[in-house]
Protein backbone atom coordinates (compact mmCIF):
# COMPACT_ATOMS: atom_id res chain seq x y z
CA MET A 1 79.63 103.03 132.43
CA GLU A 2 83.10 104.48 131.45
CA ARG A 3 83.65 105.68 135.22
CA TRP A 4 83.63 101.91 136.30
CA TYR A 5 86.40 101.05 133.96
CA TYR A 6 89.24 101.02 136.48
CA LEU A 7 87.08 99.53 139.37
CA GLY A 8 86.21 96.70 136.90
CA LEU A 9 89.91 95.98 136.20
CA ASP A 10 90.42 95.78 139.91
CA ALA A 11 87.50 93.12 140.32
CA LEU A 12 88.55 91.13 137.32
CA SER A 13 92.22 91.06 138.53
CA ILE A 14 91.29 89.58 141.70
CA ALA A 15 88.23 87.37 141.07
CA PHE A 16 89.71 84.02 140.05
CA PRO A 17 92.68 84.27 142.49
CA LEU A 18 90.07 85.00 145.32
CA ALA A 19 87.75 82.25 144.14
CA ALA A 20 90.57 79.78 143.91
CA SER A 21 92.08 80.58 147.46
CA PHE A 22 90.45 77.70 149.05
CA GLU A 23 91.41 75.10 146.40
CA PRO A 24 93.16 72.38 148.65
CA ARG A 25 96.44 71.87 146.46
CA ILE A 26 97.41 75.52 146.86
CA ALA A 27 95.65 76.25 150.01
CA TYR A 28 96.37 79.88 149.62
CA TRP A 29 94.03 81.01 152.40
CA ARG A 30 96.41 79.29 154.84
CA LYS A 31 99.02 81.63 154.02
CA TRP A 32 97.06 84.87 154.32
CA ARG A 33 98.84 85.92 157.39
CA GLY A 34 102.14 86.46 155.80
CA LEU A 35 100.26 87.44 152.81
CA PHE A 36 98.55 90.52 154.33
CA THR A 37 101.59 91.46 156.35
CA GLY A 38 103.69 91.83 153.06
CA MET A 39 100.54 93.64 151.50
CA LEU A 40 100.40 95.97 154.45
CA VAL A 41 104.24 96.77 154.25
CA MET A 42 104.10 97.48 150.53
CA MET A 43 100.97 99.58 150.75
CA ALA A 44 102.70 101.82 153.50
CA VAL A 45 105.72 102.47 151.00
CA PHE A 46 103.83 102.46 147.84
CA ILE A 47 100.74 104.44 148.50
CA ALA A 48 102.94 107.18 150.27
CA TRP A 49 104.98 107.08 146.97
CA ASP A 50 101.89 107.09 144.62
CA ALA A 51 100.26 110.08 146.49
CA LEU A 52 103.58 112.05 146.40
CA PHE A 53 104.10 111.39 142.50
CA THR A 54 100.37 112.13 141.95
CA ALA A 55 100.52 115.70 143.85
CA HIS A 56 103.80 116.57 141.86
CA GLY A 57 102.34 115.43 138.49
CA VAL A 58 104.67 112.70 137.81
CA TRP A 59 101.39 110.66 136.79
CA GLY A 60 97.77 111.11 137.26
CA PHE A 61 94.29 109.54 136.84
CA SER A 62 91.50 110.11 134.28
CA GLU A 63 88.39 111.50 135.70
CA ARG A 64 86.57 109.78 132.76
CA TYR A 65 87.27 106.12 133.87
CA THR A 66 87.19 106.68 137.73
CA LEU A 67 84.27 107.12 140.18
CA GLY A 68 85.53 110.53 141.54
CA ILE A 69 86.19 109.43 144.98
CA ARG A 70 89.67 110.37 146.21
CA PHE A 71 91.80 110.49 149.31
CA LEU A 72 95.49 111.46 149.29
CA HIS A 73 95.16 112.53 145.72
CA LEU A 74 94.37 108.96 144.85
CA PRO A 75 91.05 107.60 143.43
CA LEU A 76 89.51 104.59 145.31
CA GLU A 77 90.49 102.37 142.57
CA GLU A 78 94.04 102.89 142.79
CA TRP A 79 93.80 101.98 146.61
CA LEU A 80 92.10 98.83 145.60
CA PHE A 81 94.90 98.36 142.95
CA PHE A 82 97.43 97.60 145.95
CA ILE A 83 95.12 94.99 147.03
CA ALA A 84 94.04 93.17 143.93
CA ILE A 85 97.39 93.18 142.17
CA PRO A 86 99.48 91.80 144.88
CA TYR A 87 96.95 89.47 145.93
CA SER A 88 96.78 88.00 142.46
CA CYS A 89 100.48 87.98 141.72
CA VAL A 90 101.25 86.25 144.87
CA TYR A 91 98.80 83.77 143.98
CA LEU A 92 100.52 83.15 140.73
CA TYR A 93 103.77 82.90 142.64
CA GLU A 94 102.15 79.99 144.58
CA VAL A 95 100.99 78.21 141.55
CA MET A 96 104.22 78.34 140.11
CA ARG A 97 105.92 77.01 143.36
CA TYR A 98 103.17 74.15 143.14
CA ALA A 99 103.46 73.35 139.44
CA VAL A 100 107.24 73.68 139.17
CA LYS A 101 108.95 71.25 141.57
CA ARG A 102 112.38 72.35 140.64
CA ASP A 103 114.09 75.58 141.48
CA VAL A 104 115.04 75.86 137.99
CA LEU A 105 116.45 79.57 138.32
CA GLY A 106 117.95 78.92 141.85
CA ALA A 107 121.45 78.69 140.47
CA VAL A 108 121.46 81.66 138.39
CA ALA A 109 119.29 83.82 140.79
CA ARG A 110 122.32 85.63 142.71
CA PRO A 111 124.46 86.27 139.57
CA MET A 112 121.20 87.45 137.90
CA SER A 113 120.38 89.85 140.70
CA VAL A 114 123.83 91.10 140.66
CA ALA A 115 123.80 91.92 137.03
CA LEU A 116 120.14 93.49 137.40
CA ILE A 117 121.35 95.67 140.29
CA ALA A 118 124.39 96.90 138.04
CA VAL A 119 122.01 97.91 135.26
CA LEU A 120 119.49 99.55 137.74
CA LEU A 121 122.24 101.60 139.39
CA VAL A 122 123.65 102.59 136.10
CA VAL A 123 120.27 103.82 134.43
CA GLY A 124 119.05 105.19 137.68
CA VAL A 125 122.45 107.48 138.29
CA LEU A 126 122.59 108.46 134.72
CA HIS A 127 118.89 109.69 134.83
CA ILE A 128 118.78 111.09 138.21
CA HIS A 129 116.89 114.00 136.96
CA ARG A 130 113.88 111.71 136.01
CA VAL A 131 112.14 111.04 139.15
CA TYR A 132 110.04 108.12 138.13
CA THR A 133 113.10 106.46 136.55
CA ALA A 134 115.41 107.26 139.54
CA VAL A 135 113.50 106.35 142.42
CA THR A 136 112.02 103.18 140.89
CA PHE A 137 115.58 101.93 139.60
CA LEU A 138 117.43 102.94 142.76
CA SER A 139 114.97 101.63 145.10
CA THR A 140 114.69 98.20 143.47
CA ALA A 141 118.57 97.86 143.22
CA ALA A 142 118.75 98.60 146.97
CA LEU A 143 116.05 95.90 147.77
CA LEU A 144 117.74 93.35 145.72
CA ALA A 145 121.14 93.96 147.19
CA GLY A 146 119.68 93.41 150.35
CA HIS A 147 118.42 89.87 149.29
CA VAL A 148 121.70 89.19 147.51
CA ILE A 149 123.69 90.02 150.61
CA ALA A 150 121.23 87.89 152.72
CA ARG A 151 121.45 84.99 150.27
CA THR A 152 117.64 84.75 150.19
CA PRO A 153 117.05 81.05 149.13
CA TRP A 154 113.77 81.76 147.35
CA LEU A 155 114.98 84.38 144.77
CA GLY A 156 114.94 81.84 141.94
CA ARG A 157 111.27 81.03 142.79
CA PHE A 158 110.55 84.69 142.87
CA TYR A 159 111.88 85.58 139.36
CA LEU A 160 110.00 82.71 137.94
CA GLY A 161 106.60 84.02 139.59
CA TYR A 162 107.72 87.54 138.47
CA ALA A 163 108.03 86.37 134.94
CA ILE A 164 104.56 84.75 134.83
CA SER A 165 102.97 87.88 136.40
CA LEU A 166 104.18 89.96 133.67
CA ILE A 167 101.66 88.43 131.37
CA PRO A 168 98.47 89.63 133.16
CA PHE A 169 100.80 92.77 134.04
CA PHE A 170 100.91 93.62 130.19
CA ILE A 171 97.12 93.14 129.77
CA VAL A 172 95.97 94.99 132.83
CA ASN A 173 98.59 97.74 132.61
CA GLY A 174 98.22 98.18 129.00
CA ILE A 175 94.49 98.88 129.31
CA LEU A 176 95.31 101.42 132.15
CA THR A 177 97.89 103.12 130.12
CA GLY A 178 95.55 103.54 127.06
CA TRP A 179 95.52 100.40 125.27
CA LEU A 180 92.01 99.73 123.47
CA LEU A 181 90.98 102.90 125.04
CA PRO A 182 90.43 106.74 123.62
CA GLU A 183 92.73 108.00 126.48
CA PRO A 184 94.60 106.24 129.36
CA ILE A 185 93.11 105.65 132.82
CA VAL A 186 96.62 106.51 134.17
CA TRP A 187 98.63 109.07 132.43
CA TYR A 188 102.41 109.78 132.83
CA ASN A 189 104.66 112.70 132.63
CA ASP A 190 107.27 111.46 130.04
CA ALA A 191 109.79 114.45 131.31
CA GLU A 192 109.90 112.13 134.28
CA ASN A 193 110.64 108.83 132.99
CA LEU A 194 112.69 107.35 129.92
CA GLY A 195 110.13 107.86 127.42
CA LEU A 196 110.44 104.35 126.24
CA ARG A 197 107.09 102.50 126.09
CA MET A 198 106.32 98.59 125.79
CA ASN A 199 103.13 99.30 123.65
CA THR A 200 101.39 101.88 125.98
CA ILE A 201 103.61 101.00 129.17
CA PRO A 202 106.43 102.96 130.44
CA VAL A 203 109.40 100.51 130.91
CA GLU A 204 109.73 101.74 134.42
CA ASP A 205 106.51 99.93 135.28
CA SER A 206 107.87 96.55 134.92
CA ILE A 207 110.59 97.35 137.37
CA TYR A 208 107.86 99.00 139.68
CA LEU A 209 106.19 95.71 139.54
CA LEU A 210 109.21 93.66 140.40
CA PHE A 211 109.83 96.22 143.37
CA PHE A 212 106.28 96.01 144.78
CA LEU A 213 105.99 92.41 144.34
CA LEU A 214 109.65 91.40 145.84
CA LEU A 215 108.70 93.81 148.85
CA THR A 216 105.54 91.92 149.34
CA ILE A 217 106.87 88.51 149.05
CA THR A 218 109.74 89.43 151.11
CA PHE A 219 107.45 89.59 154.28
CA TYR A 220 105.08 86.87 152.85
CA GLU A 221 107.86 84.51 152.95
CA ARG A 222 108.94 85.29 156.42
CA PRO A 223 106.49 83.32 158.52
CA LEU A 224 105.98 80.30 156.06
CA LYS A 225 109.67 79.06 157.04
CA ARG A 226 109.48 76.50 154.21
CA ASP A 227 111.95 74.76 152.10
CA HIS A 228 113.00 76.49 148.90
CA GLY A 229 115.00 74.10 147.01
CA SER A 230 113.64 71.57 144.50
CA VAL A 231 110.79 69.60 145.69
CA VAL A 232 110.60 65.91 144.08
CA ASP A 233 107.20 64.61 143.78
CA GLN A 234 106.34 61.83 146.26
CA PRO A 235 104.81 58.48 145.20
């Protein structure tokens, strides 16, 4: 049964959002065209990144908790991760858009992004010799900078969705990195990161999540062409 653990996490992550996709208030299924476009762009970047890092020992995967089916150095479960997690996180983003009518972070999204870019650049440059840290922080800073320059109108809503996504992230990624298990499903070479852990999770993983979710939503939002300001309930 242990060999099914990673696959089981993938299945549990996507189960509820997939079942709720046809719920009429969110109508997530109507947004699949943008969602799958965003996921394909994200996967093109992150699977190449993942395969390269795995090949060079930046991280790796336990034989104990995976089925043993691999392609490009990555287990089948890791490929499915890049379907289950963005599907679920973007669903949470949509739920927050529906539940929170006001763009509560809209006014601070741009200055917050500028401050975050500065921190990511400083840490990334100072730790340029740590591959995971440098690539993650500098890539995220570059993508955020593009959105700041473009004055992306949905950044405030993105940050709110990202904050909510951190809750299941800490559970799923915590288990992947060894919380509640005798050994991690995904192990990390601490020479290639800051060595700072949130429980069992490298701090870089939270920025990794921001990067891949922002990249996905960048292309998800393009075909929707909707208002991103505050929405007042209609009587």
